[in-house]
Amino acid sequence: MKLEGAYTAIITPLFPDGSVDYNGLVKNIEFQVSQSIAGVVPVGTTGESPTISQDERKEIIERAIAAADGRCKVIAGTGSNSTEKCIANTEHAAQAGIDAALVVDCYYNGPSSQELRDEYYAVIAKRYPELTIVPYIIPGRTGTALSVEDLAILHAKHPNISAVKEATGDLARMAYTREICGSDFSIISGDDDLTYRMMADQAIAADGVISVASNVVPRPVQEMVSAVKSGDLQKAEKLQNALAPLFKIVTVKVENERILPDGRNVKVADKYRNPVAIKNLMSALGMPSGACRRPLGKMTRPGVEIVRQAVKTVWVNNPEILAPIAEFYGIDIEARIADDNNWM
């Protein structure tokens, strides 16, 4: 499977009691399909995989495959910090009928690149030779990283390791990946705000994105990717600029106030990581979403206002980008943005 195009790292909608809203998941995937997305990625980081139970994981994957119904690809997140758990996750997902497995570097226990190569990725690739395996390199959340050299060795030994999701932010690393992995290898952006640069830079020549923002704007993200691939950089850059406010809120950084026990008022830098902001946005707009599972929680008012201002900017400057949400979900976007009760 040649990975290219825009894939949505689909959120896991939750009810107020914390249980999974499976009907909401199916509805969101139907929206994605209606907007010509290349594929969806359930139970990845954006799908809150660390706090999803095994039974929930299985049902989410099965529901996603059924909802997609061959109209778009399904790439399931199956990675873990345990090779055995990754095998179990991948076994079920492969039997369920996924098109590819997204396998994140082992978080927290921090294996070396050589260990990641030999004791993790090679084991999975050898066990499932007919399944496309996509290493996911995101050291900011895992504390480790498969090296480009070991990725190239894996690609040579295991042809089913034919793509990588790159979320290092290191453009030089990505260019090196292209150099030593070759033109047949897919480099997929894991950072919405870098996708255009990664694809337009011929030293990298990225093939697409696994996007967070496309939960709300799937067609424009897909169109941006397609425009770069077809050489229409003017159209792609125009879409990149229009989408930029949404790309910037995947992670939200805020200086929040704290009152110390002695009464002093200080400020502390808080970083609200994905999927806190995107779920906040989707809930405010009236899309199936709900809150995140603990320990992820709610943003403070300053954080919420950053998200609100971002979507307001897009609505004012490029309302056509958000119009499909209004049409599919029966939502009055302007009213939802204006109503303070949606942004509590």
Protein backbone atom coordinates (compact mmCIF):
# COMPACT_ATOMS: atom_id res chain seq x y z
CA MET A 1 0.00 0.00 0.00
CA LYS A 2 1.40 3.36 -1.09
CA LEU A 3 0.47 5.92 1.54
CA GLU A 4 -0.42 9.30 0.07
CA GLY A 5 -3.08 11.91 0.61
CA ALA A 6 -4.78 13.20 3.75
CA TYR A 7 -5.75 10.85 6.57
CA THR A 8 -7.69 12.02 9.60
CA ALA A 9 -6.44 11.06 13.04
CA ILE A 10 -10.01 10.57 14.15
CA ILE A 11 -11.03 11.49 17.69
CA THR A 12 -12.88 9.07 19.96
CA PRO A 13 -16.19 10.75 20.89
CA LEU A 14 -17.21 10.25 24.50
CA PHE A 15 -20.46 10.65 26.41
CA PRO A 16 -20.49 12.76 29.62
CA ASP A 17 -20.05 9.56 31.68
CA GLY A 18 -16.84 8.79 29.79
CA SER A 19 -18.16 5.88 27.72
CA VAL A 20 -17.50 5.76 23.98
CA ASP A 21 -20.09 7.32 21.69
CA TYR A 22 -19.89 4.72 18.92
CA ASN A 23 -22.74 6.27 16.94
CA GLY A 24 -20.94 9.60 17.08
CA LEU A 25 -17.78 7.90 15.82
CA VAL A 26 -19.65 6.43 12.87
CA LYS A 27 -21.26 9.80 12.10
CA ASN A 28 -17.89 11.55 12.15
CA ILE A 29 -16.41 8.94 9.81
CA GLU A 30 -19.37 9.35 7.46
CA PHE A 31 -18.59 13.07 7.40
CA GLN A 32 -14.97 12.28 6.54
CA VAL A 33 -16.03 10.00 3.68
CA SER A 34 -18.47 12.62 2.38
CA GLN A 35 -15.54 15.06 2.15
CA SER A 36 -13.35 12.68 0.09
CA ILE A 37 -10.73 12.04 2.75
CA ALA A 38 -8.13 9.43 1.78
CA GLY A 39 -8.48 7.60 5.07
CA VAL A 40 -9.13 7.66 8.80
CA VAL A 41 -6.85 6.65 11.65
CA PRO A 42 -8.76 5.38 14.71
CA VAL A 43 -7.20 4.73 18.14
CA GLY A 44 -4.10 6.77 17.56
CA THR A 45 -2.89 9.42 19.99
CA THR A 46 -5.69 11.72 18.82
CA GLY A 47 -8.12 8.86 19.54
CA GLU A 48 -6.79 8.74 23.13
CA SER A 49 -5.32 5.26 22.74
CA PRO A 50 -3.50 5.35 26.11
CA THR A 51 -6.84 5.51 27.98
CA ILE A 52 -8.89 3.29 25.67
CA SER A 53 -9.50 -0.25 26.95
CA GLN A 54 -8.73 -3.29 24.82
CA ASP A 55 -12.42 -4.05 24.33
CA GLU A 56 -13.10 -0.45 23.33
CA ARG A 57 -10.11 -0.47 20.97
CA LYS A 58 -11.42 -3.54 19.18
CA GLU A 59 -14.92 -2.17 18.80
CA ILE A 60 -13.69 1.24 17.63
CA ILE A 61 -11.56 -0.39 14.92
CA GLU A 62 -14.36 -2.70 13.83
CA ARG A 63 -16.87 0.15 13.73
CA ALA A 64 -14.44 2.33 11.77
CA ILE A 65 -13.88 -0.37 9.16
CA ALA A 66 -17.62 -0.94 8.81
CA ALA A 67 -18.32 2.78 8.57
CA ALA A 68 -15.62 3.35 5.97
CA ASP A 69 -16.98 0.39 3.99
CA GLY A 70 -14.13 0.50 1.52
CA ARG A 71 -14.81 4.15 0.64
CA CYS A 72 -11.65 5.30 2.37
CA LYS A 73 -8.65 3.58 3.93
CA VAL A 74 -8.49 2.66 7.62
CA ILE A 75 -5.12 2.81 9.38
CA ALA A 76 -5.38 1.63 12.97
CA GLY A 77 -3.09 2.75 15.75
CA THR A 78 -1.65 -0.48 17.18
CA GLY A 79 1.58 0.68 18.83
CA SER A 80 2.46 0.28 22.49
CA ASN A 81 5.43 0.42 24.84
CA SER A 82 5.23 -3.38 24.91
CA THR A 83 6.01 -5.49 21.85
CA GLU A 84 3.60 -8.17 23.02
CA LYS A 85 0.77 -5.66 23.39
CA CYS A 86 1.57 -4.28 19.96
CA ILE A 87 1.39 -7.80 18.52
CA ALA A 88 -2.01 -8.35 20.15
CA ASN A 89 -3.30 -5.00 18.92
CA THR A 90 -2.03 -5.60 15.40
CA GLU A 91 -3.36 -9.17 15.32
CA HIS A 92 -6.91 -8.05 15.98
CA ALA A 93 -6.70 -5.05 13.65
CA ALA A 94 -5.25 -7.14 10.81
CA GLN A 95 -7.97 -9.76 11.18
CA ALA A 96 -10.61 -7.01 11.27
CA GLY A 97 -9.41 -5.80 7.89
CA ILE A 98 -7.35 -2.62 8.34
CA ASP A 99 -5.32 -1.29 5.43
CA ALA A 100 -2.25 -0.41 7.51
CA ALA A 101 -1.03 -0.24 11.10
CA LEU A 102 0.36 2.94 12.65
CA VAL A 103 2.97 1.85 15.18
CA VAL A 104 4.33 4.50 17.52
CA ASP A 105 7.81 4.36 19.07
CA CYS A 106 7.74 2.76 22.52
CA TYR A 107 6.95 5.50 25.00
CA TYR A 108 8.29 5.95 28.53
CA ASN A 109 10.53 2.84 28.73
CA GLY A 110 12.65 4.52 26.04
CA PRO A 111 14.39 1.77 24.08
CA SER A 112 17.37 2.71 21.92
CA SER A 113 16.96 2.98 18.18
CA GLN A 114 18.62 -0.42 17.76
CA GLU A 115 16.16 -1.96 20.22
CA LEU A 116 13.23 -0.29 18.52
CA ARG A 117 14.46 -1.71 15.23
CA ASP A 118 15.17 -5.30 16.33
CA GLU A 119 12.84 -5.91 19.26
CA TYR A 120 9.80 -3.99 18.09
CA TYR A 121 9.38 -2.93 14.46
CA ALA A 122 11.15 -5.93 12.92
CA VAL A 123 9.10 -8.30 15.06
CA ILE A 124 5.82 -6.73 13.95
CA ALA A 125 6.84 -6.46 10.29
CA LYS A 126 8.00 -10.07 10.13
CA ARG A 127 4.86 -11.35 11.81
CA TYR A 128 2.53 -9.45 9.45
CA PRO A 129 4.38 -9.36 6.10
CA GLU A 130 1.24 -8.56 4.08
CA LEU A 131 0.29 -5.57 6.26
CA THR A 132 1.71 -2.09 5.71
CA ILE A 133 3.49 -1.02 8.91
CA VAL A 134 3.96 2.71 9.51
CA PRO A 135 6.47 3.69 12.21
CA TYR A 136 5.39 6.84 14.02
CA ILE A 137 8.28 9.01 15.21
CA ILE A 138 7.22 11.57 17.81
CA PRO A 139 10.00 12.00 20.40
CA GLY A 140 8.21 14.87 22.12
CA ARG A 141 5.67 12.36 23.44
CA THR A 142 7.67 9.14 23.55
CA GLY A 143 11.11 10.19 24.78
CA THR A 144 12.79 8.03 22.13
CA ALA A 145 13.10 7.90 18.34
CA LEU A 146 13.84 5.34 15.67
CA SER A 147 16.82 6.68 13.73
CA VAL A 148 16.66 7.34 10.01
CA GLU A 149 19.43 4.79 9.48
CA ASP A 150 17.48 2.06 11.29
CA LEU A 151 14.32 3.02 9.41
CA ALA A 152 16.19 2.52 6.12
CA ILE A 153 17.50 -0.87 7.29
CA LEU A 154 13.98 -1.93 8.24
CA HIS A 155 12.61 -0.77 4.88
CA ALA A 156 15.26 -2.79 3.05
CA LYS A 157 14.65 -5.96 5.07
CA HIS A 158 10.90 -5.63 5.42
CA PRO A 159 9.22 -4.08 2.34
CA ASN A 160 5.96 -3.74 4.27
CA ILE A 161 7.62 -0.98 6.32
CA SER A 162 7.06 1.39 3.43
CA ALA A 163 6.11 4.64 5.15
CA VAL A 164 6.81 6.76 8.21
CA LYS A 165 4.72 9.28 10.10
CA GLU A 166 7.13 12.12 10.86
CA ALA A 167 6.37 14.28 13.90
CA THR A 168 9.89 15.28 14.88
CA GLY A 169 9.71 18.76 13.37
CA ASP A 170 13.23 18.12 12.03
CA LEU A 171 13.20 18.97 8.31
CA ALA A 172 16.84 17.95 7.87
CA ARG A 173 16.01 14.51 9.26
CA MET A 174 13.11 14.22 6.82
CA ALA A 175 15.34 15.12 3.86
CA TYR A 176 17.81 12.48 5.01
CA THR A 177 14.96 9.98 5.20
CA ARG A 178 14.10 10.69 1.57
CA GLU A 179 17.75 10.37 0.59
CA ILE A 180 18.42 6.97 2.12
CA CYS A 181 14.95 5.40 1.98
CA GLY A 182 14.36 6.27 -1.66
CA SER A 183 11.57 7.68 -3.79
CA ASP A 184 9.25 4.69 -3.29
CA PHE A 185 9.11 5.29 0.46
CA SER A 186 6.22 7.40 1.84
CA ILE A 187 6.92 10.25 4.23
CA ILE A 188 3.73 11.33 5.96
CA SER A 189 3.50 14.54 7.97
CA GLY A 190 2.44 14.23 11.58
CA ASP A 191 2.31 18.00 12.08
CA ASP A 192 -0.48 19.92 10.34
CA ASP A 193 1.45 23.16 10.32
CA LEU A 194 4.45 21.57 8.55
CA THR A 195 2.60 19.56 5.92
CA TYR A 196 2.83 22.14 3.14
CA ARG A 197 6.56 22.72 3.70
CA MET A 198 7.28 18.99 3.89
CA MET A 199 5.45 18.31 0.64
CA ALA A 200 6.65 21.36 -1.31
CA ASP A 201 10.31 20.86 -0.35
CA GLN A 202 11.63 18.50 -3.04
CA ALA A 203 14.39 17.32 -0.71
CA ILE A 204 11.63 15.82 1.45
CA ALA A 205 8.79 15.36 -1.06
CA ALA A 206 6.37 14.19 1.60
CA ASP A 207 3.37 12.25 0.35
CA GLY A 208 0.61 13.45 2.65
CA VAL A 209 -0.48 13.97 6.23
CA ILE A 210 -2.13 12.24 9.14
CA SER A 211 -4.02 15.30 10.25
CA VAL A 212 -5.71 16.43 13.45
CA ALA A 213 -7.32 19.55 11.95
CA SER A 214 -9.05 17.44 9.30
CA ASN A 215 -11.44 16.22 11.98
CA VAL A 216 -13.25 19.50 11.22
CA VAL A 217 -11.91 20.45 7.76
CA PRO A 218 -11.22 17.20 5.88
CA ARG A 219 -11.86 18.39 2.33
CA PRO A 220 -9.64 21.52 2.49
CA VAL A 221 -6.77 19.49 3.97
CA GLN A 222 -7.21 16.82 1.28
CA GLU A 223 -7.36 19.52 -1.40
CA MET A 224 -4.19 21.17 -0.08
CA VAL A 225 -2.33 17.87 -0.21
CA SER A 226 -3.65 17.05 -3.68
CA ALA A 227 -2.70 20.51 -4.95
CA VAL A 228 0.93 20.08 -3.87
CA LYS A 229 1.06 16.60 -5.41
CA SER A 230 -0.25 17.96 -8.71
CA GLY A 231 2.21 20.88 -8.67
CA ASP A 232 -0.38 23.61 -8.04
CA LEU A 233 1.59 25.31 -5.28
CA GLN A 234 -0.38 28.53 -5.57
CA LYS A 235 -3.63 26.76 -4.66
CA ALA A 236 -1.90 24.72 -1.96
CA GLU A 237 -0.35 27.79 -0.34
CA LYS A 238 -3.68 29.61 -0.40
CA LEU A 239 -5.31 26.69 1.43
CA GLN A 240 -2.38 26.46 3.86
CA ASN A 241 -2.81 30.13 4.77
CA ALA A 242 -6.57 29.78 5.17
CA LEU A 243 -6.18 26.72 7.41
CA ALA A 244 -3.24 28.07 9.43
CA PRO A 245 -5.32 29.27 12.43
CA LEU A 246 -6.67 25.73 12.89
CA PHE A 247 -3.25 24.17 12.37
CA LYS A 248 -1.85 26.34 15.16
CA ILE A 249 -4.27 25.06 17.82
CA VAL A 250 -3.39 21.38 17.67
CA THR A 251 -1.39 22.21 20.80
CA VAL A 252 -2.34 25.25 22.88
CA LYS A 253 0.14 26.98 25.17
CA VAL A 254 -1.12 29.31 27.88
CA GLU A 255 0.36 31.19 30.85
CA ASN A 256 -2.18 30.34 33.56
CA GLU A 257 -2.42 31.98 36.94
CA ARG A 258 -1.80 30.10 40.18
CA ILE A 259 -2.28 31.29 43.74
CA LEU A 260 0.40 29.84 46.01
CA PRO A 261 -0.36 28.80 49.62
CA ASP A 262 1.26 32.04 50.83
CA GLY A 263 -1.14 34.08 48.71
CA ARG A 264 1.27 35.06 45.94
CA ASN A 265 -0.10 35.16 42.41
CA VAL A 266 2.20 33.57 39.83
CA LYS A 267 1.95 32.33 36.27
CA VAL A 268 2.73 28.83 35.08
CA ALA A 269 3.16 27.73 31.46
CA ASP A 270 0.58 25.07 30.60
CA LYS A 271 0.68 23.11 27.35
CA TYR A 272 -2.64 21.54 26.36
CA ARG A 273 -1.73 18.70 24.07
CA ASN A 274 -3.73 17.04 21.34
CA PRO A 275 -6.60 16.06 21.41
CA VAL A 276 -7.71 18.54 24.10
CA ALA A 277 -8.05 21.51 21.73
CA ILE A 278 -9.62 19.71 18.78
CA LYS A 279 -12.21 18.03 21.01
CA ASN A 280 -12.96 21.38 22.62
CA LEU A 281 -13.49 22.87 19.17
CA MET A 282 -15.67 20.01 17.95
CA SER A 283 -17.82 20.07 21.08
CA ALA A 284 -18.28 23.83 20.79
CA LEU A 285 -19.34 23.49 17.16
CA GLY A 286 -21.82 20.74 18.02
CA MET A 287 -20.01 17.79 16.45
CA PRO A 288 -19.86 14.43 18.27
CA SER A 289 -16.86 14.74 20.57
CA GLY A 290 -17.26 15.13 24.32
CA ALA A 291 -14.41 15.73 26.69
CA CYS A 292 -11.12 13.84 26.99
CA ARG A 293 -10.46 11.04 29.43
CA ARG A 294 -8.42 11.80 32.50
CA PRO A 295 -5.69 12.80 33.03
CA LEU A 296 -6.42 15.02 30.02
CA GLY A 297 -9.03 17.54 31.03
CA LYS A 298 -10.44 20.95 30.23
CA MET A 299 -8.52 24.01 29.18
CA THR A 300 -8.72 27.18 31.20
CA ARG A 301 -10.62 30.16 29.84
CA PRO A 302 -7.54 31.70 28.13
CA GLY A 303 -6.91 28.40 26.32
CA VAL A 304 -10.53 28.06 25.23
CA GLU A 305 -10.47 31.61 23.88
CA ILE A 306 -7.43 30.81 21.74
CA VAL A 307 -9.38 27.97 20.13
CA ARG A 308 -12.47 30.14 19.74
CA GLN A 309 -10.54 32.96 18.14
CA ALA A 310 -8.90 30.55 15.69
CA VAL A 311 -12.19 29.20 14.38
CA LYS A 312 -13.71 32.68 14.35
CA THR A 313 -10.84 33.89 12.16
CA VAL A 314 -11.40 31.08 9.70
CA TRP A 315 -15.16 31.71 9.67
CA VAL A 316 -14.72 35.42 8.99
CA ASN A 317 -12.00 35.07 6.36
CA ASN A 318 -12.87 31.75 4.71
CA PRO A 319 -16.38 30.62 5.68
CA GLU A 320 -16.42 28.08 2.83
CA ILE A 321 -13.89 26.01 4.75
CA LEU A 322 -16.34 25.40 7.61
CA ALA A 323 -19.52 25.30 5.51
CA PRO A 324 -19.47 21.48 5.08
CA ILE A 325 -19.79 21.08 8.87
CA ALA A 326 -22.93 23.21 8.86
CA GLU A 327 -24.40 21.24 5.99
CA PHE A 328 -23.59 17.75 7.27
CA TYR A 329 -24.37 18.21 10.97
CA GLY A 330 -27.14 20.82 10.60
CA ILE A 331 -25.15 23.40 12.55
CA ASP A 332 -25.32 27.20 12.53
CA ILE A 333 -21.58 27.87 12.70
CA GLU A 334 -21.83 31.60 13.37
CA ALA A 335 -24.33 31.09 16.19
CA ARG A 336 -22.23 28.33 17.75
CA ILE A 337 -19.13 30.54 17.72
CA ALA A 338 -21.02 33.52 19.19
CA ASP A 339 -22.74 31.60 22.01
CA ASP A 340 -20.61 31.79 25.16
CA ASN A 341 -22.36 28.73 26.56
CA ASN A 342 -20.61 26.57 23.96
CA TRP A 343 -17.20 27.71 25.18
CA MET A 344 -17.41 27.04 28.90
